[in-house]
Protein backbone atom coordinates (compact mmCIF):
# COMPACT_ATOMS: atom_id res chain seq x y z
CA MET A 1 -11.26 -1.41 -4.86
CA LEU A 2 -10.74 1.42 -2.40
CA HIS A 3 -7.78 3.71 -3.01
CA ILE A 4 -6.89 7.36 -3.32
CA ASP A 5 -5.36 8.01 -6.71
CA ARG A 6 -3.63 11.04 -8.26
CA GLN A 7 -4.49 13.47 -5.51
CA THR A 8 -3.75 14.74 -2.02
CA LYS A 9 -6.29 14.06 0.68
CA THR A 10 -6.50 14.10 4.48
CA ILE A 11 -8.33 11.40 6.44
CA ASP A 12 -8.36 11.26 10.26
CA GLY A 13 -5.40 13.63 10.56
CA VAL A 14 -3.29 11.74 8.02
CA THR A 15 -2.42 13.49 4.74
CA PHE A 16 -1.64 11.39 1.66
CA THR A 17 -0.19 12.43 -1.65
CA ASN A 18 -0.20 9.89 -4.45
CA THR A 19 3.23 9.92 -6.12
CA HIS A 20 2.88 6.98 -8.52
CA SER A 21 0.04 4.84 -9.84
CA GLY A 22 0.41 1.89 -12.18
CA GLN A 23 3.07 -0.22 -13.80
CA LYS A 24 6.72 0.81 -13.90
CA ARG A 25 7.45 -1.37 -16.92
CA ALA A 26 5.53 -3.34 -19.51
CA TYR A 27 3.98 -6.52 -18.10
CA GLY A 28 5.13 -5.51 -14.62
CA ASP A 29 3.36 -5.40 -11.29
CA SER A 30 1.28 -2.33 -10.46
CA TYR A 31 2.42 0.03 -7.73
CA TYR A 32 0.51 2.70 -5.85
CA GLU A 33 2.92 4.90 -3.94
CA TYR A 34 2.02 7.54 -1.38
CA HIS A 35 3.90 10.17 0.57
CA VAL A 36 2.19 10.34 3.96
CA VAL A 37 2.42 13.04 6.63
CA SER A 38 0.87 12.94 10.10
CA GLU A 39 1.53 13.76 13.73
CA ARG A 40 -0.37 10.65 14.82
CA PRO A 41 1.50 7.55 16.09
CA SER A 42 3.03 5.36 13.39
CA SER A 43 0.69 2.44 14.12
CA ASP A 44 -2.36 4.70 13.69
CA VAL A 45 -1.00 6.08 10.43
CA GLU A 46 -0.36 2.57 9.10
CA ALA A 47 -3.90 1.52 10.03
CA VAL A 48 -5.41 4.52 8.23
CA CYS A 49 -3.26 3.80 5.17
CA SER A 50 -4.18 0.12 4.95
CA GLU A 51 -7.90 0.74 5.49
CA HIS A 52 -8.61 4.08 3.81
CA VAL A 53 -5.90 5.00 1.32
CA TYR A 54 -5.57 1.65 -0.46
CA LYS A 55 -6.97 -1.38 1.31
CA ALA A 56 -4.24 -4.00 1.47
CA ILE A 57 -2.53 -6.53 3.73
CA PRO A 58 1.04 -6.24 5.07
CA HIS A 59 3.73 -7.53 2.71
CA ALA A 60 5.01 -10.03 5.31
CA GLU A 61 1.54 -11.60 5.61
CA TRP A 62 1.17 -11.78 1.83
CA GLN A 63 4.66 -13.23 1.40
CA ALA A 64 4.07 -15.95 4.01
CA ASP A 65 0.91 -17.04 2.16
CA TYR A 66 2.52 -16.72 -1.28
CA ARG A 67 5.43 -18.98 -0.32
CA GLN A 68 3.16 -21.77 0.93
CA PRO A 69 2.95 -24.75 -1.42
CA GLY A 70 -0.39 -24.67 -3.19
CA CYS A 71 -1.03 -20.99 -2.51
CA SER A 72 -4.40 -20.11 -4.01
CA MET A 73 -4.73 -17.51 -6.75
CA GLU A 74 -7.06 -15.59 -4.44
CA LYS A 75 -4.28 -15.20 -1.88
CA ALA A 76 -1.49 -14.64 -4.41
CA PHE A 77 -3.21 -11.71 -6.11
CA ARG A 78 -4.24 -9.80 -2.98
CA PRO A 79 -2.95 -6.23 -2.78
CA HIS A 80 -0.13 -5.98 -0.25
CA TYR A 81 1.74 -3.04 1.21
CA GLU A 82 5.01 -1.85 2.66
CA PHE A 83 4.92 0.98 5.19
CA ARG A 84 8.12 2.79 6.09
CA PRO A 85 8.64 5.68 8.53
CA LEU A 86 10.89 8.39 7.08
CA GLY A 87 11.16 10.48 10.26
CA ASP A 88 9.58 13.76 11.34
CA GLY A 89 6.03 12.46 10.89
CA LYS A 90 6.62 11.40 7.27
CA TYR A 91 6.02 7.94 5.84
CA ARG A 92 6.12 6.00 2.60
CA TYR A 93 3.20 3.70 1.82
CA VAL A 94 3.50 1.44 -1.24
CA VAL A 95 0.86 -1.03 -2.39
CA THR A 96 1.78 -3.73 -4.90
CA LEU A 97 -0.53 -5.76 -7.10
CA LEU A 98 0.92 -8.65 -9.06
CA TYR A 99 0.73 -8.41 -12.83
CA ALA A 100 -2.32 -10.11 -14.26
CA ASP A 101 -3.28 -10.16 -17.89
């Protein structure tokens, strides 16, 4: 699984700092949170995040599949992300993985 963990790194003009990795509570989902800074357009930053920081699909796409009757385990357990602009070239990128034991 491709992701940047516990470090700061720059890829294609986008700088990422990992701010959290792992579960927030026992038996909880895993979260990988990044503070992102770039002067590139938001859509470019999101693409770099979802392909190079931690490969994942958009939350809305995951949620649409997850809510379908008979959703497969393969689709349910895919990493999915939320990307939020914070202003001034700063972003929050959070990847969620459902708890699996």
